[in-house]
Each structure stands twice: as C-alpha cells, then as structure tokens.
PDB file of all heavy atoms in Angstrom:
ATOM      1  N   LYS A   1       0.817  -1.208   0.000  1.00  0.00           N
ATOM      2  CA  LYS A   1       0.000   0.000   0.000  1.00  0.00           C
ATOM      3  C   LYS A   1       0.850   1.257   0.000  1.00  0.00           C
ATOM      4  O   LYS A   1       1.516   1.559  -0.946  1.00  0.00           O
ATOM      5  CB  LYS A   1      -0.989   0.020   1.167  1.00  0.00           C
ATOM      6  CG  LYS A   1      -1.883  -1.182   1.215  1.00  0.00           C
ATOM      7  CD  LYS A   1      -3.026  -1.044   0.273  1.00  0.00           C
ATOM      8  CE  LYS A   1      -4.011  -2.164   0.544  1.00  0.00           C
ATOM      9  NZ  LYS A   1      -4.572  -2.706  -0.618  1.00  0.00           N
ATOM     10  N   ILE A   2       0.890   1.962   1.100  1.00  0.00           N
ATOM     11  CA  ILE A   2       1.446   3.307   1.138  1.00  0.00           C
ATOM     12  C   ILE A   2       2.561   3.425   2.165  1.00  0.00           C
ATOM     13  O   ILE A   2       2.756   2.540   2.992  1.00  0.00           O
ATOM     14  CB  ILE A   2       0.343   4.323   1.498  1.00  0.00           C
ATOM     15  CG1 ILE A   2      -0.380   3.854   2.767  1.00  0.00           C
ATOM     16  CG2 ILE A   2      -0.671   4.466   0.394  1.00  0.00           C
ATOM     17  CD1 ILE A   2      -0.393   4.814   3.854  1.00  0.00           C
ATOM     18  N   CYS A   3       3.251   4.533   2.101  1.00  0.00           N
ATOM     19  CA  CYS A   3       4.213   4.893   3.141  1.00  0.00           C
ATOM     20  C   CYS A   3       3.543   5.959   3.989  1.00  0.00           C
ATOM     21  O   CYS A   3       3.269   7.058   3.508  1.00  0.00           O
ATOM     22  CB  CYS A   3       5.500   5.423   2.512  1.00  0.00           C
ATOM     23  SG  CYS A   3       6.672   6.100   3.711  1.00  0.00           S
ATOM     24  N   ASP A   4       3.241   5.623   5.227  1.00  0.00           N
ATOM     25  CA  ASP A   4       2.630   6.567   6.153  1.00  0.00           C
ATOM     26  C   ASP A   4       3.754   7.397   6.765  1.00  0.00           C
ATOM     27  O   ASP A   4       4.550   6.897   7.560  1.00  0.00           O
ATOM     28  CB  ASP A   4       1.856   5.809   7.235  1.00  0.00           C
ATOM     29  CG  ASP A   4       1.124   6.720   8.192  1.00  0.00           C
ATOM     30  OD1 ASP A   4       1.474   7.921   8.290  1.00  0.00           O
ATOM     31  OD2 ASP A   4       0.207   6.231   8.863  1.00  0.00           O
ATOM     32  N   LEU A   5       3.828   8.658   6.389  1.00  0.00           N
ATOM     33  CA  LEU A   5       4.919   9.526   6.825  1.00  0.00           C
ATOM     34  C   LEU A   5       4.892   9.812   8.325  1.00  0.00           C
ATOM     35  O   LEU A   5       5.876  10.289   8.874  1.00  0.00           O
ATOM     36  CB  LEU A   5       4.886  10.837   6.031  1.00  0.00           C
ATOM     37  CG  LEU A   5       5.075  10.677   4.520  1.00  0.00           C
ATOM     38  CD1 LEU A   5       4.865  12.000   3.818  1.00  0.00           C
ATOM     39  CD2 LEU A   5       6.434  10.081   4.199  1.00  0.00           C
ATOM     40  N   GLN A   6       3.791   9.497   8.981  1.00  0.00           N
ATOM     41  CA  GLN A   6       3.726   9.644  10.438  1.00  0.00           C
ATOM     42  C   GLN A   6       4.377   8.461  11.149  1.00  0.00           C
ATOM     43  O   GLN A   6       4.662   8.537  12.334  1.00  0.00           O
ATOM     44  CB  GLN A   6       2.273   9.781  10.885  1.00  0.00           C
ATOM     45  CG  GLN A   6       1.607  11.029  10.328  1.00  0.00           C
ATOM     46  CD  GLN A   6       0.185  11.129  10.795  1.00  0.00           C
ATOM     47  OE1 GLN A   6      -0.076  11.680  11.865  1.00  0.00           O
ATOM     48  NE2 GLN A   6      -0.723  10.581  10.009  1.00  0.00           N
ATOM     49  N   VAL A   7       4.588   7.361  10.407  1.00  0.00           N
ATOM     50  CA  VAL A   7       5.128   6.135  10.993  1.00  0.00           C
ATOM     51  C   VAL A   7       6.582   5.908  10.604  1.00  0.00           C
ATOM     52  O   VAL A   7       7.399   5.526  11.438  1.00  0.00           O
ATOM     53  CB  VAL A   7       4.267   4.916  10.571  1.00  0.00           C
ATOM     54  CG1 VAL A   7       4.868   3.617  11.082  1.00  0.00           C
ATOM     55  CG2 VAL A   7       2.842   5.088  11.052  1.00  0.00           C
ATOM     56  N   GLU A   8       6.921   6.129   9.335  1.00  0.00           N
ATOM     57  CA  GLU A   8       8.298   5.913   8.895  1.00  0.00           C
ATOM     58  C   GLU A   8       8.676   6.840   7.753  1.00  0.00           C
ATOM     59  O   GLU A   8       7.825   7.282   6.992  1.00  0.00           O
ATOM     60  CB  GLU A   8       8.557   4.451   8.521  1.00  0.00           C
ATOM     61  CG  GLU A   8       7.793   3.918   7.361  1.00  0.00           C
ATOM     62  CD  GLU A   8       7.976   2.411   7.160  1.00  0.00           C
ATOM     63  OE1 GLU A   8       9.013   1.843   7.506  1.00  0.00           O
ATOM     64  OE2 GLU A   8       7.031   1.804   6.624  1.00  0.00           O
ATOM     65  N   GLU A   9       9.956   7.123   7.672  1.00  0.00           N
ATOM     66  CA  GLU A   9      10.509   7.935   6.594  1.00  0.00           C
ATOM     67  C   GLU A   9      10.516   7.122   5.306  1.00  0.00           C
ATOM     68  O   GLU A   9      10.621   5.893   5.350  1.00  0.00           O
ATOM     69  CB  GLU A   9      11.942   8.357   6.941  1.00  0.00           C
ATOM     70  CG  GLU A   9      12.047   9.265   8.135  1.00  0.00           C
ATOM     71  CD  GLU A   9      11.438  10.637   7.863  1.00  0.00           C
ATOM     72  OE1 GLU A   9      11.629  11.168   6.754  1.00  0.00           O
ATOM     73  OE2 GLU A   9      10.773  11.158   8.768  1.00  0.00           O
ATOM     74  N   PRO A  10      10.434   7.788   4.144  1.00  0.00           N
ATOM     75  CA  PRO A  10      10.462   7.050   2.879  1.00  0.00           C
ATOM     76  C   PRO A  10      11.668   6.123   2.736  1.00  0.00           C
ATOM     77  O   PRO A  10      11.520   4.994   2.258  1.00  0.00           O
ATOM     78  CB  PRO A  10      10.476   8.161   1.831  1.00  0.00           C
ATOM     79  CG  PRO A  10       9.761   9.290   2.487  1.00  0.00           C
ATOM     80  CD  PRO A  10      10.176   9.219   3.931  1.00  0.00           C
ATOM     81  N   LYS A  11      12.847   6.561   3.152  1.00  0.00           N
ATOM     82  CA  LYS A  11      14.037   5.706   3.028  1.00  0.00           C
ATOM     83  C   LYS A  11      13.877   4.429   3.854  1.00  0.00           C
ATOM     84  O   LYS A  11      14.228   3.341   3.402  1.00  0.00           O
ATOM     85  CB  LYS A  11      15.299   6.454   3.433  1.00  0.00           C
ATOM     86  CG  LYS A  11      16.557   5.646   3.207  1.00  0.00           C
ATOM     87  CD  LYS A  11      17.798   6.433   3.531  1.00  0.00           C
ATOM     88  CE  LYS A  11      19.029   5.566   3.330  1.00  0.00           C
ATOM     89  NZ  LYS A  11      20.240   6.270   3.711  1.00  0.00           N
ATOM     90  N   GLN A  12      13.320   4.542   5.052  1.00  0.00           N
ATOM     91  CA  GLN A  12      13.074   3.355   5.884  1.00  0.00           C
ATOM     92  C   GLN A  12      12.063   2.432   5.215  1.00  0.00           C
ATOM     93  O   GLN A  12      12.226   1.214   5.215  1.00  0.00           O
ATOM     94  CB  GLN A  12      12.552   3.767   7.269  1.00  0.00           C
ATOM     95  CG  GLN A  12      13.537   4.529   8.094  1.00  0.00           C
ATOM     96  CD  GLN A  12      12.867   5.146   9.320  1.00  0.00           C
ATOM     97  OE1 GLN A  12      11.738   5.649   9.252  1.00  0.00           O
ATOM     98  NE2 GLN A  12      13.563   5.105  10.444  1.00  0.00           N
ATOM     99  N   TRP A  13      11.003   2.992   4.661  1.00  0.00           N
ATOM    100  CA  TRP A  13       9.981   2.217   3.959  1.00  0.00           C
ATOM    101  C   TRP A  13      10.623   1.471   2.795  1.00  0.00           C
ATOM    102  O   TRP A  13      10.383   0.285   2.590  1.00  0.00           O
ATOM    103  CB  TRP A  13       8.877   3.155   3.472  1.00  0.00           C
ATOM    104  CG  TRP A  13       7.677   2.482   2.887  1.00  0.00           C
ATOM    105  CD1 TRP A  13       6.529   2.158   3.542  1.00  0.00           C
ATOM    106  CD2 TRP A  13       7.496   2.047   1.536  1.00  0.00           C
ATOM    107  NE1 TRP A  13       5.635   1.565   2.675  1.00  0.00           N
ATOM    108  CE2 TRP A  13       6.213   1.482   1.436  1.00  0.00           C
ATOM    109  CE3 TRP A  13       8.283   2.077   0.396  1.00  0.00           C
ATOM    110  CZ2 TRP A  13       5.703   0.959   0.255  1.00  0.00           C
ATOM    111  CZ3 TRP A  13       7.785   1.557  -0.788  1.00  0.00           C
ATOM    112  CH2 TRP A  13       6.503   1.005  -0.847  1.00  0.00           C
ATOM    113  N   ILE A  14      11.444   2.172   2.009  1.00  0.00           N
ATOM    114  CA  ILE A  14      12.104   1.572   0.849  1.00  0.00           C
ATOM    115  C   ILE A  14      13.016   0.431   1.280  1.00  0.00           C
ATOM    116  O   ILE A  14      12.994  -0.650   0.679  1.00  0.00           O
ATOM    117  CB  ILE A  14      12.881   2.650   0.059  1.00  0.00           C
ATOM    118  CG1 ILE A  14      11.887   3.615  -0.591  1.00  0.00           C
ATOM    119  CG2 ILE A  14      13.800   2.008  -0.987  1.00  0.00           C
ATOM    120  CD1 ILE A  14      12.528   4.902  -1.121  1.00  0.00           C
ATOM    121  N   GLU A  15      13.818   0.644   2.331  1.00  0.00           N
ATOM    122  CA  GLU A  15      14.705  -0.416   2.831  1.00  0.00           C
ATOM    123  C   GLU A  15      13.907  -1.649   3.235  1.00  0.00           C
ATOM    124  O   GLU A  15      14.243  -2.776   2.876  1.00  0.00           O
ATOM    125  CB  GLU A  15      15.523   0.088   4.022  1.00  0.00           C
ATOM    126  CG  GLU A  15      16.595   1.075   3.636  1.00  0.00           C
ATOM    127  CD  GLU A  15      17.289   1.710   4.835  1.00  0.00           C
ATOM    128  OE1 GLU A  15      16.654   1.846   5.922  1.00  0.00           O
ATOM    129  OE2 GLU A  15      18.463   2.076   4.693  1.00  0.00           O
ATOM    130  N   ARG A  16      12.833  -1.432   3.996  1.00  0.00           N
ATOM    131  CA  ARG A  16      11.996  -2.540   4.473  1.00  0.00           C
ATOM    132  C   ARG A  16      11.352  -3.294   3.311  1.00  0.00           C
ATOM    133  O   ARG A  16      11.359  -4.526   3.247  1.00  0.00           O
ATOM    134  CB  ARG A  16      10.927  -1.986   5.420  1.00  0.00           C
ATOM    135  CG  ARG A  16       9.975  -3.018   5.975  1.00  0.00           C
ATOM    136  CD  ARG A  16       8.987  -2.427   6.969  1.00  0.00           C
ATOM    137  NE  ARG A  16       8.194  -1.326   6.462  1.00  0.00           N
ATOM    138  CZ  ARG A  16       7.145  -1.463   5.639  1.00  0.00           C
ATOM    139  NH1 ARG A  16       6.783  -2.658   5.224  1.00  0.00           N
ATOM    140  NH2 ARG A  16       6.467  -0.402   5.236  1.00  0.00           N
ATOM    141  N   VAL A  17      10.807  -2.551   2.356  1.00  0.00           N
ATOM    142  CA  VAL A  17      10.112  -3.160   1.227  1.00  0.00           C
ATOM    143  C   VAL A  17      11.080  -3.939   0.331  1.00  0.00           C
ATOM    144  O   VAL A  17      10.772  -5.048  -0.110  1.00  0.00           O
ATOM    145  CB  VAL A  17       9.336  -2.083   0.439  1.00  0.00           C
ATOM    146  CG1 VAL A  17       8.859  -2.603  -0.896  1.00  0.00           C
ATOM    147  CG2 VAL A  17       8.163  -1.592   1.273  1.00  0.00           C
ATOM    148  N   LEU A  18      12.248  -3.378   0.049  1.00  0.00           N
ATOM    149  CA  LEU A  18      13.224  -4.089  -0.788  1.00  0.00           C
ATOM    150  C   LEU A  18      13.663  -5.405  -0.141  1.00  0.00           C
ATOM    151  O   LEU A  18      13.775  -6.418  -0.814  1.00  0.00           O
ATOM    152  CB  LEU A  18      14.432  -3.201  -1.079  1.00  0.00           C
ATOM    153  CG  LEU A  18      14.199  -2.073  -2.075  1.00  0.00           C
ATOM    154  CD1 LEU A  18      15.422  -1.170  -2.142  1.00  0.00           C
ATOM    155  CD2 LEU A  18      13.848  -2.613  -3.452  1.00  0.00           C
ATOM    156  N   ARG A  19      13.914  -5.368   1.176  1.00  0.00           N
ATOM    157  CA  ARG A  19      14.288  -6.609   1.878  1.00  0.00           C
ATOM    158  C   ARG A  19      13.152  -7.622   1.797  1.00  0.00           C
ATOM    159  O   ARG A  19      13.360  -8.791   1.508  1.00  0.00           O
ATOM    160  CB  ARG A  19      14.602  -6.323   3.344  1.00  0.00           C
ATOM    161  CG  ARG A  19      16.020  -5.944   3.589  1.00  0.00           C
ATOM    162  CD  ARG A  19      16.328  -5.888   5.090  1.00  0.00           C
ATOM    163  NE  ARG A  19      17.118  -4.707   5.341  1.00  0.00           N
ATOM    164  CZ  ARG A  19      16.704  -3.615   5.970  1.00  0.00           C
ATOM    165  NH1 ARG A  19      15.503  -3.555   6.486  1.00  0.00           N
ATOM    166  NH2 ARG A  19      17.495  -2.583   6.113  1.00  0.00           N
ATOM    167  N   SER A  20      11.944  -7.175   2.068  1.00  0.00           N
ATOM    168  CA  SER A  20      10.787  -8.061   2.116  1.00  0.00           C
ATOM    169  C   SER A  20      10.395  -8.602   0.749  1.00  0.00           C
ATOM    170  O   SER A  20      10.091  -9.788   0.610  1.00  0.00           O
ATOM    171  CB  SER A  20       9.614  -7.312   2.736  1.00  0.00           C
ATOM    172  OG  SER A  20       8.444  -8.067   2.664  1.00  0.00           O
ATOM    173  N   GLN A  21      10.373  -7.744  -0.259  1.00  0.00           N
ATOM    174  CA  GLN A  21       9.871  -8.159  -1.559  1.00  0.00           C
ATOM    175  C   GLN A  21      10.906  -8.879  -2.406  1.00  0.00           C
ATOM    176  O   GLN A  21      10.580  -9.845  -3.082  1.00  0.00           O
ATOM    177  CB  GLN A  21       9.329  -6.952  -2.333  1.00  0.00           C
ATOM    178  CG  GLN A  21       8.061  -6.398  -1.715  1.00  0.00           C
ATOM    179  CD  GLN A  21       7.447  -5.281  -2.535  1.00  0.00           C
ATOM    180  OE1 GLN A  21       7.939  -4.897  -3.585  1.00  0.00           O
ATOM    181  NE2 GLN A  21       6.349  -4.753  -2.039  1.00  0.00           N
ATOM    182  N   VAL A  22      12.159  -8.385  -2.416  1.00  0.00           N
ATOM    183  CA  VAL A  22      13.156  -8.958  -3.326  1.00  0.00           C
ATOM    184  C   VAL A  22      14.480  -9.304  -2.657  1.00  0.00           C
ATOM    185  O   VAL A  22      15.453  -9.646  -3.337  1.00  0.00           O
ATOM    186  CB  VAL A  22      13.397  -8.047  -4.560  1.00  0.00           C
ATOM    187  CG1 VAL A  22      12.183  -8.064  -5.464  1.00  0.00           C
ATOM    188  CG2 VAL A  22      13.757  -6.639  -4.154  1.00  0.00           C
ATOM    189  N   GLY A  23      14.570  -9.232  -1.330  1.00  0.00           N
ATOM    190  CA  GLY A  23      15.733  -9.706  -0.590  1.00  0.00           C
ATOM    191  C   GLY A  23      17.037  -8.990  -0.881  1.00  0.00           C
ATOM    192  O   GLY A  23      18.097  -9.614  -0.863  1.00  0.00           O
ATOM    193  N   VAL A  24      16.990  -7.676  -1.140  1.00  0.00           N
ATOM    194  CA  VAL A  24      18.214  -6.915  -1.385  1.00  0.00           C
ATOM    195  C   VAL A  24      18.321  -5.777  -0.386  1.00  0.00           C
ATOM    196  O   VAL A  24      17.338  -5.388   0.251  1.00  0.00           O
ATOM    197  CB  VAL A  24      18.269  -6.349  -2.827  1.00  0.00           C
ATOM    198  CG1 VAL A  24      18.354  -7.470  -3.846  1.00  0.00           C
ATOM    199  CG2 VAL A  24      17.093  -5.442  -3.113  1.00  0.00           C
ATOM    200  N   GLU A  25      19.533  -5.243  -0.255  1.00  0.00           N
ATOM    201  CA  GLU A  25      19.787  -4.118   0.635  1.00  0.00           C
ATOM    202  C   GLU A  25      19.892  -2.833  -0.185  1.00  0.00           C
ATOM    203  O   GLU A  25      20.448  -2.830  -1.285  1.00  0.00           O
ATOM    204  CB  GLU A  25      21.081  -4.333   1.425  1.00  0.00           C
ATOM    205  CG  GLU A  25      21.016  -5.499   2.398  1.00  0.00           C
ATOM    206  CD  GLU A  25      19.987  -5.316   3.498  1.00  0.00           C
ATOM    207  OE1 GLU A  25      19.834  -4.182   4.006  1.00  0.00           O
ATOM    208  OE2 GLU A  25      19.323  -6.311   3.854  1.00  0.00           O
ATOM    209  N   LEU A  26      19.394  -1.764   0.361  1.00  0.00           N
ATOM    210  CA  LEU A  26      19.451  -0.465  -0.278  1.00  0.00           C
ATOM    211  C   LEU A  26      20.879   0.068  -0.237  1.00  0.00           C
ATOM    212  O   LEU A  26      21.506   0.098   0.815  1.00  0.00           O
ATOM    213  CB  LEU A  26      18.514   0.509   0.441  1.00  0.00           C
ATOM    214  CG  LEU A  26      18.496   1.949  -0.049  1.00  0.00           C
ATOM    215  CD1 LEU A  26      17.969   2.017  -1.476  1.00  0.00           C
ATOM    216  CD2 LEU A  26      17.657   2.796   0.878  1.00  0.00           C
ATOM    217  N   ALA A  27      21.410   0.483  -1.386  1.00  0.00           N
ATOM    218  CA  ALA A  27      22.729   1.104  -1.450  1.00  0.00           C
ATOM    219  C   ALA A  27      22.588   2.626  -1.570  1.00  0.00           C
ATOM    220  O   ALA A  27      23.280   3.369  -0.891  1.00  0.00           O
ATOM    221  CB  ALA A  27      23.520   0.554  -2.631  1.00  0.00           C
ATOM    222  N   GLN A  28      21.675   3.072  -2.430  1.00  0.00           N
ATOM    223  CA  GLN A  28      21.492   4.503  -2.661  1.00  0.00           C
ATOM    224  C   GLN A  28      20.082   4.732  -3.187  1.00  0.00           C
ATOM    225  O   GLN A  28      19.543   3.912  -3.916  1.00  0.00           O
ATOM    226  CB  GLN A  28      22.513   4.987  -3.676  1.00  0.00           C
ATOM    227  CG  GLN A  28      22.494   6.458  -3.929  1.00  0.00           C
ATOM    228  CD  GLN A  28      23.587   6.866  -4.918  1.00  0.00           C
ATOM    229  OE1 GLN A  28      24.430   6.074  -5.307  1.00  0.00           O
ATOM    230  NE2 GLN A  28      23.553   8.110  -5.337  1.00  0.00           N
ATOM    231  N   VAL A  29      19.508   5.862  -2.808  1.00  0.00           N
ATOM    232  CA  VAL A  29      18.163   6.205  -3.280  1.00  0.00           C
ATOM    233  C   VAL A  29      18.103   7.692  -3.573  1.00  0.00           C
ATOM    234  O   VAL A  29      18.708   8.492  -2.864  1.00  0.00           O
ATOM    235  CB  VAL A  29      17.085   5.795  -2.248  1.00  0.00           C
ATOM    236  CG1 VAL A  29      17.253   6.537  -0.944  1.00  0.00           C
ATOM    237  CG2 VAL A  29      15.692   6.005  -2.802  1.00  0.00           C
ATOM    238  N   SER A  30      17.414   8.059  -4.652  1.00  0.00           N
ATOM    239  CA  SER A  30      17.191   9.470  -4.949  1.00  0.00           C
ATOM    240  C   SER A  30      15.783   9.639  -5.512  1.00  0.00           C
ATOM    241  O   SER A  30      15.302   8.803  -6.279  1.00  0.00           O
ATOM    242  CB  SER A  30      18.237  10.006  -5.925  1.00  0.00           C
ATOM    243  OG  SER A  30      18.189   9.315  -7.143  1.00  0.00           O
ATOM    244  N   LEU A  31      15.139  10.714  -5.106  1.00  0.00           N
ATOM    245  CA  LEU A  31      13.803  11.021  -5.581  1.00  0.00           C
ATOM    246  C   LEU A  31      13.897  11.514  -7.014  1.00  0.00           C
ATOM    247  O   LEU A  31      14.631  12.450  -7.315  1.00  0.00           O
ATOM    248  CB  LEU A  31      13.155  12.086  -4.688  1.00  0.00           C
ATOM    249  CG  LEU A  31      11.738  12.513  -5.052  1.00  0.00           C
ATOM    250  CD1 LEU A  31      10.771  11.347  -4.930  1.00  0.00           C
ATOM    251  CD2 LEU A  31      11.304  13.666  -4.153  1.00  0.00           C
ATOM    252  N   LYS A  32      13.149  10.866  -7.919  1.00  0.00           N
ATOM    253  CA  LYS A  32      13.182  11.226  -9.336  1.00  0.00           C
ATOM    254  C   LYS A  32      12.043  12.175  -9.697  1.00  0.00           C
ATOM    255  O   LYS A  32      12.238  13.136 -10.410  1.00  0.00           O
ATOM    256  CB  LYS A  32      13.112   9.966 -10.192  1.00  0.00           C
ATOM    257  CG  LYS A  32      13.162  10.230 -11.673  1.00  0.00           C
ATOM    258  CD  LYS A  32      13.366   8.965 -12.447  1.00  0.00           C
ATOM    259  CE  LYS A  32      13.273   9.152 -13.930  1.00  0.00           C
ATOM    260  NZ  LYS A  32      14.031  10.233 -14.469  1.00  0.00           N
ATOM    261  N   SER A  33      10.844  11.897  -9.200  1.00  0.00           N
ATOM    262  CA  SER A  33       9.696  12.753  -9.509  1.00  0.00           C
ATOM    263  C   SER A  33       8.563  12.485  -8.541  1.00  0.00           C
ATOM    264  O   SER A  33       8.561  11.489  -7.818  1.00  0.00           O
ATOM    265  CB  SER A  33       9.222  12.526 -10.952  1.00  0.00           C
ATOM    266  OG  SER A  33       8.708  11.227 -11.107  1.00  0.00           O
ATOM    267  N   VAL A  34       7.585  13.383  -8.564  1.00  0.00           N
ATOM    268  CA  VAL A  34       6.346  13.227  -7.800  1.00  0.00           C
ATOM    269  C   VAL A  34       5.214  13.318  -8.808  1.00  0.00           C
ATOM    270  O   VAL A  34       5.172  14.238  -9.625  1.00  0.00           O
ATOM    271  CB  VAL A  34       6.194  14.310  -6.717  1.00  0.00           C
ATOM    272  CG1 VAL A  34       4.862  14.160  -5.996  1.00  0.00           C
ATOM    273  CG2 VAL A  34       7.355  14.270  -5.739  1.00  0.00           C
ATOM    274  N   ASN A  35       4.320  12.336  -8.770  1.00  0.00           N
ATOM    275  CA  ASN A  35       3.214  12.279  -9.723  1.00  0.00           C
ATOM    276  C   ASN A  35       1.885  12.329  -8.973  1.00  0.00           C
ATOM    277  O   ASN A  35       1.683  11.592  -8.012  1.00  0.00           O
ATOM    278  CB  ASN A  35       3.271  10.978 -10.530  1.00  0.00           C
ATOM    279  CG  ASN A  35       4.436  10.945 -11.474  1.00  0.00           C
ATOM    280  OD1 ASN A  35       4.269  11.058 -12.667  1.00  0.00           O
ATOM    281  ND2 ASN A  35       5.646  10.803 -10.951  1.00  0.00           N
ATOM    282  N   PHE A  36       0.994  13.199  -9.442  1.00  0.00           N
ATOM    283  CA  PHE A  36      -0.361  13.269  -8.913  1.00  0.00           C
ATOM    284  C   PHE A  36      -1.252  12.590  -9.939  1.00  0.00           C
ATOM    285  O   PHE A  36      -1.561  13.169 -10.979  1.00  0.00           O
ATOM    286  CB  PHE A  36      -0.774  14.728  -8.679  1.00  0.00           C
ATOM    287  CG  PHE A  36       0.059  15.399  -7.630  1.00  0.00           C
ATOM    288  CD1 PHE A  36       1.177  16.145  -7.988  1.00  0.00           C
ATOM    289  CD2 PHE A  36      -0.249  15.265  -6.291  1.00  0.00           C
ATOM    290  CE1 PHE A  36       1.960  16.753  -7.019  1.00  0.00           C
ATOM    291  CE2 PHE A  36       0.534  15.861  -5.314  1.00  0.00           C
ATOM    292  CZ  PHE A  36       1.643  16.615  -5.684  1.00  0.00           C
ATOM    293  N   VAL A  37      -1.642  11.353  -9.670  1.00  0.00           N
ATOM    294  CA  VAL A  37      -2.342  10.552 -10.663  1.00  0.00           C
ATOM    295  C   VAL A  37      -3.854  10.720 -10.624  1.00  0.00           C
ATOM    296  O   VAL A  37      -4.527  10.479 -11.615  1.00  0.00           O
ATOM    297  CB  VAL A  37      -1.962   9.054 -10.556  1.00  0.00           C
ATOM    298  CG1 VAL A  37      -0.493   8.862 -10.871  1.00  0.00           C
ATOM    299  CG2 VAL A  37      -2.272   8.501  -9.181  1.00  0.00           C
ATOM    300  N   ALA A  38      -4.393  11.113  -9.483  1.00  0.00           N
ATOM    301  CA  ALA A  38      -5.835  11.343  -9.349  1.00  0.00           C
ATOM    302  C   ALA A  38      -6.081  12.158  -8.081  1.00  0.00           C
ATOM    303  O   ALA A  38      -5.269  12.144  -7.155  1.00  0.00           O
ATOM    304  CB  ALA A  38      -6.598  10.019  -9.281  1.00  0.00           C
ATOM    305  N   VAL A  39      -7.205  12.836  -8.043  1.00  0.00           N
ATOM    306  CA  VAL A  39      -7.531  13.701  -6.908  1.00  0.00           C
ATOM    307  C   VAL A  39      -7.578  12.921  -5.597  1.00  0.00           C
ATOM    308  O   VAL A  39      -7.101  13.383  -4.573  1.00  0.00           O
ATOM    309  CB  VAL A  39      -8.880  14.422  -7.164  1.00  0.00           C
ATOM    310  CG1 VAL A  39      -9.314  15.211  -5.946  1.00  0.00           C
ATOM    311  CG2 VAL A  39      -8.747  15.343  -8.361  1.00  0.00           C
ATOM    312  N   ASN A  40      -8.138  11.709  -5.612  1.00  0.00           N
ATOM    313  CA  ASN A  40      -8.295  10.919  -4.384  1.00  0.00           C
ATOM    314  C   ASN A  40      -7.133   9.969  -4.132  1.00  0.00           C
ATOM    315  O   ASN A  40      -7.225   9.125  -3.256  1.00  0.00           O
ATOM    316  CB  ASN A  40      -9.572  10.085  -4.454  1.00  0.00           C
ATOM    317  CG  ASN A  40     -10.803  10.924  -4.638  1.00  0.00           C
ATOM    318  OD1 ASN A  40     -10.733  12.143  -4.697  1.00  0.00           O
ATOM    319  ND2 ASN A  40     -11.939  10.295  -4.728  1.00  0.00           N
ATOM    320  N   HIS A  41      -6.062  10.075  -4.878  1.00  0.00           N
ATOM    321  CA  HIS A  41      -4.942   9.130  -4.829  1.00  0.00           C
ATOM    322  C   HIS A  41      -3.764   9.778  -4.116  1.00  0.00           C
ATOM    323  O   HIS A  41      -3.429  10.933  -4.378  1.00  0.00           O
ATOM    324  CB  HIS A  41      -4.562   8.774  -6.270  1.00  0.00           C
ATOM    325  CG  HIS A  41      -3.675   7.590  -6.415  1.00  0.00           C
ATOM    326  ND1 HIS A  41      -2.344   7.617  -6.083  1.00  0.00           N
ATOM    327  CD2 HIS A  41      -3.927   6.353  -6.881  1.00  0.00           C
ATOM    328  CE1 HIS A  41      -1.806   6.441  -6.348  1.00  0.00           C
ATOM    329  NE2 HIS A  41      -2.764   5.653  -6.824  1.00  0.00           N
ATOM    330  N   ALA A  42      -3.129   9.042  -3.223  1.00  0.00           N
ATOM    331  CA  ALA A  42      -1.912   9.557  -2.587  1.00  0.00           C
ATOM    332  C   ALA A  42      -0.879   9.867  -3.659  1.00  0.00           C
ATOM    333  O   ALA A  42      -0.806   9.181  -4.677  1.00  0.00           O
ATOM    334  CB  ALA A  42      -1.363   8.524  -1.606  1.00  0.00           C
ATOM    335  N   PRO A  43      -0.066  10.910  -3.478  1.00  0.00           N
ATOM    336  CA  PRO A  43       0.966  11.222  -4.468  1.00  0.00           C
ATOM    337  C   PRO A  43       1.917  10.032  -4.652  1.00  0.00           C
ATOM    338  O   PRO A  43       2.249   9.338  -3.692  1.00  0.00           O
ATOM    339  CB  PRO A  43       1.714  12.407  -3.863  1.00  0.00           C
ATOM    340  CG  PRO A  43       0.853  12.928  -2.767  1.00  0.00           C
ATOM    341  CD  PRO A  43      -0.034  11.809  -2.335  1.00  0.00           C
ATOM    342  N   VAL A  44       2.323   9.809  -5.887  1.00  0.00           N
ATOM    343  CA  VAL A  44       3.269   8.737  -6.193  1.00  0.00           C
ATOM    344  C   VAL A  44       4.658   9.353  -6.265  1.00  0.00           C
ATOM    345  O   VAL A  44       4.914  10.218  -7.107  1.00  0.00           O
ATOM    346  CB  VAL A  44       2.919   8.028  -7.517  1.00  0.00           C
ATOM    347  CG1 VAL A  44       3.958   6.954  -7.839  1.00  0.00           C
ATOM    348  CG2 VAL A  44       1.528   7.415  -7.441  1.00  0.00           C
TER     349      VAL A  44
END
C-alpha cells in the first residue's frame, strides 16, 4: 500500500520493502519525480 509519513521515513519504507519483496539491501536512493495521478490518490 502506502508509506505513512507519520510512521516511517520514505528511506526506511524503501529499505523494508526491498528486503521483504526482493531480498536486497538499499545502497542509494534518490527522488526522481512526484506524480499526482488522481484527486483521491496519494501522491506517487
């Protein structure tokens, strides 16, 4: 689902998800863009 910014930082979410989904460790991360896909949709 989503990254709840009140619970964890995006980098922490990314680290957790990468380990859980594909078993790798985060080396580096950079924000590429922010997309507003719909009025009722959390920003991507």
